[in-house]
N, C-alpha and C. Protein backbone atom coordinates (compact mmCIF):
# COMPACT_ATOMS: atom_id res chain seq x y z
N UNK A 1 -6.90 55.75 -37.80
CA UNK A 1 -6.14 56.29 -38.92
C UNK A 1 -4.70 56.58 -38.55
N UNK A 2 -4.38 56.46 -37.27
CA UNK A 2 -3.02 56.69 -36.80
C UNK A 2 -2.41 55.34 -36.45
N UNK A 3 -1.16 55.15 -36.85
CA UNK A 3 -0.49 53.91 -36.47
C UNK A 3 0.90 54.21 -35.94
N UNK A 4 1.35 53.31 -35.08
CA UNK A 4 2.70 53.41 -34.52
C UNK A 4 3.38 52.08 -34.81
N UNK A 5 4.46 52.16 -35.56
CA UNK A 5 5.20 50.96 -35.96
C UNK A 5 6.68 51.29 -35.85
N UNK A 6 7.43 50.52 -35.08
CA UNK A 6 8.86 50.82 -34.92
C UNK A 6 9.63 50.85 -36.24
N UNK A 7 9.07 50.24 -37.27
CA UNK A 7 9.74 50.20 -38.57
C UNK A 7 9.41 51.42 -39.44
N UNK A 8 8.48 52.26 -38.99
CA UNK A 8 8.07 53.43 -39.77
C UNK A 8 8.33 54.68 -38.95
N UNK A 9 9.09 55.60 -39.51
CA UNK A 9 9.37 56.90 -38.88
C UNK A 9 9.89 56.76 -37.46
N UNK A 10 10.67 55.72 -37.22
CA UNK A 10 11.25 55.54 -35.89
C UNK A 10 10.23 55.29 -34.80
N UNK A 11 9.06 54.80 -35.16
CA UNK A 11 8.03 54.50 -34.17
C UNK A 11 7.17 55.69 -33.79
N UNK A 12 7.35 56.81 -34.49
CA UNK A 12 6.50 57.98 -34.21
C UNK A 12 5.11 57.74 -34.80
N UNK A 13 4.08 58.33 -34.21
CA UNK A 13 2.73 58.17 -34.76
C UNK A 13 2.65 58.81 -36.15
N UNK A 14 2.11 58.04 -37.10
CA UNK A 14 1.96 58.51 -38.48
C UNK A 14 0.54 58.26 -38.96
N UNK A 15 0.19 58.94 -40.05
CA UNK A 15 -1.07 58.64 -40.72
C UNK A 15 -0.92 57.25 -41.33
N UNK A 16 -1.84 56.37 -41.04
CA UNK A 16 -1.75 54.98 -41.49
C UNK A 16 -1.51 54.91 -42.99
N UNK A 17 -0.54 54.08 -43.37
CA UNK A 17 -0.23 53.88 -44.78
C UNK A 17 0.70 54.94 -45.35
N UNK A 18 1.19 55.84 -44.50
CA UNK A 18 2.10 56.90 -44.95
C UNK A 18 3.27 56.99 -43.99
N UNK A 19 4.19 57.89 -44.29
CA UNK A 19 5.27 58.21 -43.37
C UNK A 19 5.10 59.64 -42.85
N UNK A 20 3.89 60.16 -42.97
CA UNK A 20 3.59 61.52 -42.53
C UNK A 20 3.23 61.48 -41.05
N UNK A 21 4.07 62.15 -40.25
CA UNK A 21 3.88 62.08 -38.80
C UNK A 21 2.81 63.05 -38.31
N UNK A 22 2.24 62.68 -37.18
CA UNK A 22 1.29 63.56 -36.51
C UNK A 22 1.99 64.87 -36.17
N UNK A 23 3.24 64.77 -35.73
CA UNK A 23 4.02 65.95 -35.38
C UNK A 23 4.13 66.92 -36.56
N UNK A 24 4.39 66.40 -37.75
CA UNK A 24 4.49 67.26 -38.93
C UNK A 24 3.19 68.00 -39.16
N UNK A 25 2.08 67.29 -39.08
CA UNK A 25 0.78 67.93 -39.31
C UNK A 25 0.54 69.03 -38.29
N UNK A 26 0.84 68.77 -37.02
CA UNK A 26 0.64 69.78 -35.99
C UNK A 26 1.56 70.98 -36.20
N UNK A 27 2.79 70.73 -36.61
CA UNK A 27 3.71 71.83 -36.90
C UNK A 27 3.21 72.69 -38.05
N UNK A 28 2.70 72.05 -39.09
CA UNK A 28 2.17 72.81 -40.23
C UNK A 28 0.99 73.68 -39.80
N UNK A 29 0.09 73.10 -39.03
CA UNK A 29 -1.07 73.87 -38.55
C UNK A 29 -0.62 75.04 -37.67
N UNK A 30 0.38 74.80 -36.82
CA UNK A 30 0.89 75.85 -35.93
C UNK A 30 1.55 76.97 -36.72
N UNK A 31 2.03 76.63 -37.92
CA UNK A 31 2.69 77.63 -38.77
C UNK A 31 1.75 78.26 -39.79
N UNK A 32 0.45 78.09 -39.55
CA UNK A 32 -0.52 78.80 -40.37
C UNK A 32 -1.07 78.06 -41.57
N UNK A 33 -0.66 76.82 -41.78
CA UNK A 33 -1.23 76.05 -42.88
C UNK A 33 -2.68 75.70 -42.55
N UNK A 34 -3.52 75.68 -43.55
CA UNK A 34 -4.89 75.23 -43.36
C UNK A 34 -4.97 73.72 -43.61
N UNK A 35 -6.06 73.13 -43.19
CA UNK A 35 -6.25 71.70 -43.48
C UNK A 35 -6.22 71.48 -44.98
N UNK A 36 -6.82 72.38 -45.72
CA UNK A 36 -6.83 72.26 -47.19
C UNK A 36 -5.41 72.31 -47.74
N UNK A 37 -4.58 73.22 -47.22
CA UNK A 37 -3.18 73.30 -47.66
C UNK A 37 -2.49 71.95 -47.47
N UNK A 38 -2.70 71.36 -46.31
CA UNK A 38 -2.03 70.09 -45.97
C UNK A 38 -2.54 68.97 -46.87
N UNK A 39 -3.85 68.89 -47.06
CA UNK A 39 -4.39 67.81 -47.88
C UNK A 39 -3.88 67.90 -49.31
N UNK A 40 -3.76 69.11 -49.82
CA UNK A 40 -3.28 69.28 -51.19
C UNK A 40 -1.79 69.01 -51.31
N UNK A 41 -1.00 69.48 -50.38
CA UNK A 41 0.45 69.32 -50.45
C UNK A 41 0.90 67.88 -50.19
N UNK A 42 0.20 67.18 -49.29
CA UNK A 42 0.63 65.85 -48.88
C UNK A 42 -0.30 64.73 -49.34
N UNK A 43 -1.25 65.04 -50.20
CA UNK A 43 -2.18 64.05 -50.75
C UNK A 43 -2.88 63.25 -49.65
N UNK A 44 -3.42 63.98 -48.68
CA UNK A 44 -4.17 63.39 -47.59
C UNK A 44 -5.62 63.81 -47.69
N UNK A 45 -6.48 63.11 -46.96
CA UNK A 45 -7.88 63.53 -46.87
C UNK A 45 -8.05 64.43 -45.65
N UNK A 46 -9.12 65.18 -45.64
CA UNK A 46 -9.43 66.02 -44.49
C UNK A 46 -9.59 65.14 -43.24
N UNK A 47 -10.20 63.99 -43.41
CA UNK A 47 -10.40 63.06 -42.30
C UNK A 47 -9.06 62.61 -41.70
N UNK A 48 -8.06 62.37 -42.54
CA UNK A 48 -6.75 61.97 -42.05
C UNK A 48 -6.10 63.09 -41.23
N UNK A 49 -6.18 64.30 -41.71
CA UNK A 49 -5.60 65.43 -40.99
C UNK A 49 -6.32 65.62 -39.66
N UNK A 50 -7.62 65.55 -39.68
CA UNK A 50 -8.39 65.70 -38.44
C UNK A 50 -8.10 64.57 -37.46
N UNK A 51 -7.81 63.38 -37.97
CA UNK A 51 -7.48 62.28 -37.06
C UNK A 51 -6.17 62.55 -36.34
N UNK A 52 -5.23 63.23 -36.99
CA UNK A 52 -3.97 63.61 -36.33
C UNK A 52 -4.24 64.60 -35.21
N UNK A 53 -5.14 65.54 -35.46
CA UNK A 53 -5.50 66.52 -34.44
C UNK A 53 -6.19 65.83 -33.26
N UNK A 54 -7.10 64.92 -33.57
CA UNK A 54 -7.82 64.20 -32.51
C UNK A 54 -6.87 63.32 -31.71
N UNK A 55 -5.88 62.74 -32.37
CA UNK A 55 -4.90 61.92 -31.67
C UNK A 55 -4.11 62.78 -30.68
N UNK A 56 -3.68 63.95 -31.12
CA UNK A 56 -2.95 64.87 -30.24
C UNK A 56 -3.84 65.29 -29.06
N UNK A 57 -5.10 65.54 -29.34
CA UNK A 57 -6.04 65.90 -28.28
C UNK A 57 -6.16 64.75 -27.27
N UNK A 58 -6.26 63.55 -27.77
CA UNK A 58 -6.34 62.37 -26.91
C UNK A 58 -5.12 62.28 -26.00
N UNK A 59 -3.94 62.51 -26.56
CA UNK A 59 -2.71 62.44 -25.76
C UNK A 59 -2.69 63.49 -24.65
N UNK A 60 -3.21 64.67 -24.94
CA UNK A 60 -3.21 65.71 -23.90
C UNK A 60 -4.15 65.34 -22.76
N UNK A 61 -5.15 64.56 -23.03
CA UNK A 61 -6.07 64.10 -21.98
C UNK A 61 -5.37 63.12 -21.04
N UNK A 62 -4.34 62.46 -21.53
CA UNK A 62 -3.62 61.46 -20.75
C UNK A 62 -2.57 62.08 -19.83
N UNK A 63 -2.25 63.33 -20.04
CA UNK A 63 -1.20 63.99 -19.24
C UNK A 63 -1.74 64.30 -17.86
N UNK A 64 -0.96 63.95 -16.84
CA UNK A 64 -1.33 64.24 -15.46
C UNK A 64 -0.19 64.99 -14.80
N UNK A 65 -0.52 65.95 -14.03
CA UNK A 65 0.49 66.72 -13.29
C UNK A 65 0.61 66.11 -11.90
N UNK A 66 1.84 65.82 -11.52
CA UNK A 66 2.09 65.24 -10.20
C UNK A 66 3.04 66.16 -9.47
N UNK A 67 2.63 66.60 -8.29
CA UNK A 67 3.51 67.45 -7.47
C UNK A 67 4.38 66.57 -6.61
N UNK A 68 5.62 66.96 -6.53
CA UNK A 68 6.56 66.17 -5.72
C UNK A 68 6.98 66.97 -4.51
């Protein structure tokens, strides 16, 4: 449900078929919005919002700390 296309939102990850970025969804959640608030305001499904959260979770799994 997440796509990255250099022609959409400058290549930032977005909900497929929209210009709504994963970053925007995470910012809204961090600022106290509920999933329901987001789905109603941005005409998204709960599944789409949760896919943004899962994508962010996936990215954090890829982070590795390297000591120099």
